[in-house]
Protein backbone atom coordinates (compact mmCIF):
# COMPACT_ATOMS: atom_id res chain seq x y z
CA MET A 1 0.03 0.02 -0.04
CA GLU A 2 2.80 2.43 0.92
CA ASN A 3 4.52 1.74 -2.42
CA SER A 4 1.35 2.43 -4.28
CA GLN A 5 0.93 5.75 -2.41
CA THR A 6 4.57 6.67 -3.30
CA GLN A 7 3.94 5.84 -6.94
CA VAL A 8 0.91 8.01 -7.07
CA ALA A 9 2.59 10.95 -5.18
CA GLU A 10 5.41 10.79 -7.82
CA LEU A 11 2.82 11.03 -10.63
CA PHE A 12 2.01 14.57 -9.32
CA SER A 13 5.52 15.55 -8.30
CA LEU A 14 7.22 18.41 -10.20
CA SER A 15 10.62 17.93 -8.71
CA GLY A 16 13.38 18.82 -11.06
CA LYS A 17 11.09 20.76 -13.34
CA VAL A 18 11.30 24.39 -14.17
CA ALA A 19 7.99 26.31 -14.60
CA LEU A 20 7.48 29.77 -16.14
CA VAL A 21 4.18 31.53 -14.91
CA THR A 22 3.32 34.72 -16.72
CA GLY A 23 1.60 37.34 -14.74
CA SER A 24 2.67 35.98 -11.35
CA ARG A 25 2.62 39.14 -9.36
CA ALA A 26 -0.79 38.57 -7.78
CA GLY A 27 -4.14 36.77 -8.01
CA LEU A 28 -4.34 33.47 -9.94
CA GLY A 29 -0.68 33.86 -11.16
CA ARG A 30 0.66 34.08 -7.69
CA ALA A 31 -1.37 31.07 -6.45
CA ILE A 32 -0.29 29.01 -9.42
CA ALA A 33 3.30 29.87 -9.00
CA THR A 34 3.27 29.07 -5.31
CA GLY A 35 1.46 25.79 -5.88
CA LEU A 36 3.92 24.69 -8.56
CA ALA A 37 6.83 25.51 -6.25
CA GLN A 38 5.19 23.42 -3.49
CA ALA A 39 4.92 20.62 -5.92
CA GLY A 40 8.62 20.65 -6.41
CA ALA A 41 9.23 22.93 -9.44
CA GLU A 42 11.66 25.86 -9.62
CA VAL A 43 9.36 28.70 -10.70
CA VAL A 44 10.30 31.46 -13.10
CA LEU A 45 8.12 34.51 -11.93
CA HIS A 46 7.08 36.87 -14.64
CA GLY A 47 6.02 40.51 -14.30
CA HIS A 48 5.66 43.62 -16.37
CA HIS A 49 7.53 45.50 -13.64
CA ASP A 50 10.01 44.23 -11.09
CA ASP A 51 7.36 43.93 -8.34
CA LEU A 52 7.40 40.20 -7.74
CA GLY A 53 8.66 40.38 -4.13
CA GLU A 54 5.47 39.26 -2.39
CA THR A 55 5.15 36.18 -4.68
CA GLU A 56 8.88 35.46 -4.19
CA ALA A 57 8.54 35.69 -0.42
CA GLU A 58 5.52 33.46 -0.37
CA ILE A 59 7.36 30.72 -2.38
CA ALA A 60 10.35 31.08 -0.02
CA ARG A 61 8.20 30.57 2.98
CA ALA A 62 6.78 27.41 1.43
CA GLY A 63 10.39 26.17 0.92
CA GLY A 64 10.40 26.61 -2.80
CA LYS A 65 12.71 28.18 -5.27
CA SER A 66 12.08 30.92 -7.75
CA ARG A 67 13.80 33.46 -10.02
CA ARG A 68 12.42 36.62 -11.74
CA TRP A 69 11.92 37.33 -15.46
CA ILE A 70 10.73 40.87 -16.33
CA ALA A 71 9.23 41.42 -19.73
CA ASP A 72 6.64 43.65 -21.18
CA LEU A 73 4.22 41.55 -23.07
CA LEU A 74 2.87 44.49 -24.94
CA ALA A 75 6.29 45.14 -26.45
CA ILE A 76 5.65 42.18 -28.83
CA ASP A 77 8.57 42.91 -31.20
CA ALA A 78 11.15 42.59 -28.38
CA LEU A 79 9.50 39.68 -26.76
CA GLY A 80 11.28 37.03 -28.76
CA ALA A 81 14.66 38.31 -27.72
CA ARG A 82 13.60 38.52 -24.04
CA ILE A 83 12.47 34.85 -24.17
CA ASP A 84 15.82 33.92 -25.83
CA ASP A 85 17.68 35.63 -22.94
CA LEU A 86 15.66 33.55 -20.44
CA LEU A 87 16.28 30.26 -22.28
CA ALA A 88 19.98 31.04 -22.36
CA GLN A 89 19.88 30.77 -18.52
CA THR A 90 17.33 27.91 -18.05
CA ARG A 91 15.21 25.49 -19.91
CA VAL A 92 11.51 25.65 -19.28
CA ASP A 93 9.61 22.32 -18.81
CA ILE A 94 6.20 23.90 -17.89
CA LEU A 95 4.76 27.06 -19.42
CA VAL A 96 1.73 28.62 -17.81
CA ASN A 97 0.34 31.46 -19.84
CA ASN A 98 -1.60 33.35 -17.29
CA ALA A 99 -0.99 37.03 -17.95
CA ALA A 100 -3.89 38.88 -19.63
CA THR A 101 -5.37 42.26 -19.89
CA PHE A 102 -9.02 43.20 -19.81
CA ILE A 103 -11.23 46.02 -21.10
CA ARG A 104 -14.86 46.43 -20.28
CA GLN A 105 -16.39 48.64 -22.94
CA SER A 106 -19.26 48.31 -25.48
CA ALA A 107 -18.22 47.12 -29.03
CA LEU A 108 -19.44 50.47 -30.55
CA GLU A 109 -17.08 52.48 -28.28
CA LEU A 110 -14.02 50.28 -28.37
CA SER A 111 -11.21 51.81 -30.37
CA LEU A 112 -9.02 49.74 -32.70
CA ASP A 113 -5.97 50.71 -30.62
CA ARG A 114 -7.56 49.20 -27.50
CA TRP A 115 -8.66 46.20 -29.32
CA ARG A 116 -5.08 45.54 -30.57
CA GLU A 117 -3.72 46.12 -27.05
CA VAL A 118 -5.88 43.22 -25.71
CA GLN A 119 -5.00 40.91 -28.57
CA THR A 120 -1.32 41.69 -28.33
CA VAL A 121 -1.06 40.67 -24.65
CA ASN A 122 -3.72 37.93 -24.46
CA LEU A 123 -3.04 36.25 -27.78
CA ASP A 124 0.09 37.42 -29.63
CA ALA A 125 2.32 37.18 -26.66
CA VAL A 126 0.99 33.74 -25.84
CA TRP A 127 1.73 32.69 -29.37
CA VAL A 128 5.36 33.92 -29.17
CA LEU A 129 5.87 32.21 -25.76
CA CYS A 130 4.41 28.94 -27.00
CA GLN A 131 6.51 29.03 -30.16
CA ARG A 132 9.84 29.88 -28.64
CA ILE A 133 9.47 27.78 -25.49
CA GLY A 134 7.61 25.02 -27.25
CA ALA A 135 10.57 24.59 -29.65
CA GLY A 136 12.72 23.47 -26.84
CA MET A 137 10.08 21.16 -25.49
CA VAL A 138 9.61 19.50 -28.93
CA GLU A 139 13.38 19.00 -29.26
CA ARG A 140 13.53 17.42 -25.86
CA GLY A 141 10.51 15.33 -26.49
CA ALA A 142 8.70 16.54 -23.28
CA GLY A 143 6.90 19.54 -22.00
CA LYS A 144 3.66 20.94 -20.63
CA ILE A 145 1.92 24.21 -21.84
CA ILE A 146 -1.13 25.34 -19.82
CA ASN A 147 -2.98 28.33 -21.16
CA ILE A 148 -5.28 30.09 -18.73
CA GLY A 149 -8.54 30.81 -20.53
CA SER A 150 -11.89 32.24 -19.41
CA LEU A 151 -15.58 31.41 -19.52
CA ALA A 152 -15.55 34.36 -21.97
CA GLY A 153 -13.82 31.98 -24.31
CA LEU A 154 -16.77 29.64 -24.22
CA GLN A 155 -19.54 32.25 -24.11
CA GLY A 156 -20.16 35.83 -25.31
CA PRO A 157 -20.37 38.30 -22.47
CA VAL A 158 -21.43 41.80 -23.27
CA ASN A 159 -19.18 44.80 -23.29
CA ARG A 160 -16.06 42.47 -23.43
CA SER A 161 -15.65 41.77 -27.18
CA ALA A 162 -11.93 42.29 -27.27
CA TYR A 163 -11.27 39.99 -24.26
CA THR A 164 -13.86 37.40 -25.47
CA ALA A 165 -12.21 37.14 -28.89
CA SER A 166 -8.86 36.70 -27.41
CA LYS A 167 -9.97 33.95 -24.99
CA HIS A 168 -11.91 32.12 -27.81
CA ALA A 169 -8.65 32.34 -29.84
CA ILE A 170 -6.64 30.83 -27.02
CA ILE A 171 -8.84 27.74 -26.89
CA GLY A 172 -8.36 27.34 -30.72
CA LEU A 173 -4.60 27.85 -30.38
CA THR A 174 -4.49 25.15 -27.59
CA LYS A 175 -6.17 22.57 -29.84
CA ALA A 176 -4.02 23.38 -32.79
CA LEU A 177 -0.75 23.21 -30.96
CA SER A 178 -1.93 20.02 -29.26
CA ASN A 179 -2.46 18.32 -32.44
CA GLU A 180 0.83 19.38 -33.73
CA TRP A 181 2.93 18.45 -30.78
CA ALA A 182 1.11 15.52 -29.05
CA GLY A 183 3.19 12.96 -30.93
CA ARG A 184 6.35 14.92 -29.83
CA GLY A 185 5.75 14.43 -26.14
CA VAL A 186 4.30 17.92 -25.49
CA GLN A 187 0.84 18.35 -23.95
CA VAL A 188 -1.08 21.60 -24.50
CA ASN A 189 -4.17 22.27 -22.40
CA THR A 190 -6.38 25.13 -21.26
CA VAL A 191 -7.63 25.75 -17.72
CA VAL A 192 -10.87 27.77 -17.91
CA PRO A 193 -11.63 29.62 -14.61
CA GLY A 194 -14.98 30.94 -13.78
CA TYR A 195 -15.67 33.93 -11.37
CA PHE A 196 -12.63 34.09 -9.13
CA LYS A 197 -11.85 36.69 -6.45
CA THR A 198 -8.46 37.92 -7.68
CA GLY A 199 -8.33 41.46 -6.45
CA ARG A 200 -9.46 42.88 -9.82
CA GLN A 201 -12.55 45.01 -9.27
CA SER A 202 -15.66 43.62 -10.92
CA PRO A 203 -19.32 44.38 -10.46
CA ALA A 204 -20.02 40.57 -10.37
CA TYR A 205 -18.57 40.40 -6.80
CA THR A 206 -21.45 42.47 -5.49
CA ASP A 207 -24.09 41.08 -7.66
CA PRO A 208 -26.18 38.55 -5.76
CA VAL A 209 -27.68 37.19 -9.02
CA VAL A 210 -24.24 36.20 -10.37
CA GLN A 211 -23.33 34.38 -7.04
CA ALA A 212 -26.68 32.71 -6.89
CA ARG A 213 -26.16 31.28 -10.38
CA ILE A 214 -22.99 29.42 -9.30
CA PRO A 215 -24.04 25.92 -8.03
CA ALA A 216 -21.12 25.88 -5.55
CA GLY A 217 -22.71 28.99 -3.97
CA ARG A 218 -19.58 31.03 -3.92
CA PHE A 219 -16.84 32.80 -5.97
CA GLY A 220 -13.58 30.92 -6.53
CA GLU A 221 -10.50 31.72 -4.49
CA PRO A 222 -7.11 31.72 -6.27
CA GLU A 223 -6.20 28.55 -4.44
CA ASP A 224 -9.06 26.78 -6.10
CA ILE A 225 -7.27 26.73 -9.40
CA VAL A 226 -3.93 25.31 -8.19
CA GLY A 227 -4.75 21.55 -8.21
CA SER A 228 -5.98 21.75 -11.84
CA VAL A 229 -2.73 23.28 -13.01
CA ILE A 230 -0.46 20.96 -11.02
CA PHE A 231 -2.38 17.99 -12.55
CA LEU A 232 -1.94 19.21 -16.12
CA ALA A 233 1.78 20.03 -15.38
CA SER A 234 2.49 16.58 -14.01
CA ARG A 235 3.12 13.07 -15.30
CA ALA A 236 -0.44 12.19 -14.26
CA ALA A 237 -1.64 14.19 -17.38
CA ASP A 238 0.68 12.78 -19.92
CA TYR A 239 -2.31 11.44 -21.98
CA VAL A 240 -4.38 14.59 -21.59
CA THR A 241 -3.98 17.23 -24.23
CA GLY A 242 -6.04 19.60 -26.24
CA HIS A 243 -8.45 19.77 -23.31
CA GLN A 244 -10.39 22.66 -21.66
CA LEU A 245 -10.53 22.03 -17.94
CA ILE A 246 -13.29 24.18 -16.55
CA VAL A 247 -12.94 25.36 -12.92
CA ASP A 248 -15.95 27.44 -12.09
CA GLY A 249 -18.03 25.96 -9.35
CA GLY A 250 -20.50 24.56 -11.84
CA TRP A 251 -21.36 27.86 -13.65
CA TYR A 252 -20.95 26.54 -17.24
CA ALA A 253 -22.90 23.34 -16.55
CA ARG A 254 -25.89 25.19 -15.36
């Protein structure tokens, strides 16, 4: 029995792995980064500014290891070189594309510049990260890419057209890369969070109708997403690819 438990634990262990989590300053990104570190991975913390101290300290308190990588995802023309700089220092076994920007505005009022800003961060940067880091994974014959999606990528919320389009595209990109790389030992999946309390202001948090529609009866906490990401990052998910894992307290099923 003890041997079986050890074998199961090893399936979920990330010991010896290096994970990059974009947008790991706060919210879901911080929880994911800390959880991966607790599972044994060395975590590369990404931020737009060098303000990752709280996440770094939280990982250190948990006995984990981390390093910082500062890159502006909106500066898309320079992103490839920044990724190459990182890869010159370390390989990346697990890529979690969590960073995203969000605009709440009606489609008739949304400017093309703002539309492009959202697509650059939420889609173009994800593509560049997947392509550059995925190349090393394909070469080694092993790797995990986990794209953080949104229920907006499965539905069509009002006044969020740019964000919704980007998240629908992420699901399509996940499927396409999965089909290309599954035979090369690389799994690509999407985690789709529902309504989570991440510190970002949202009218949903004070709307009793929204909470009442969630079968679990509450909004998600950042820690609620950690297990799903660890699973997809681990050997336990070696035969899971091209999948959308919805973590929403039952919202989408209702």
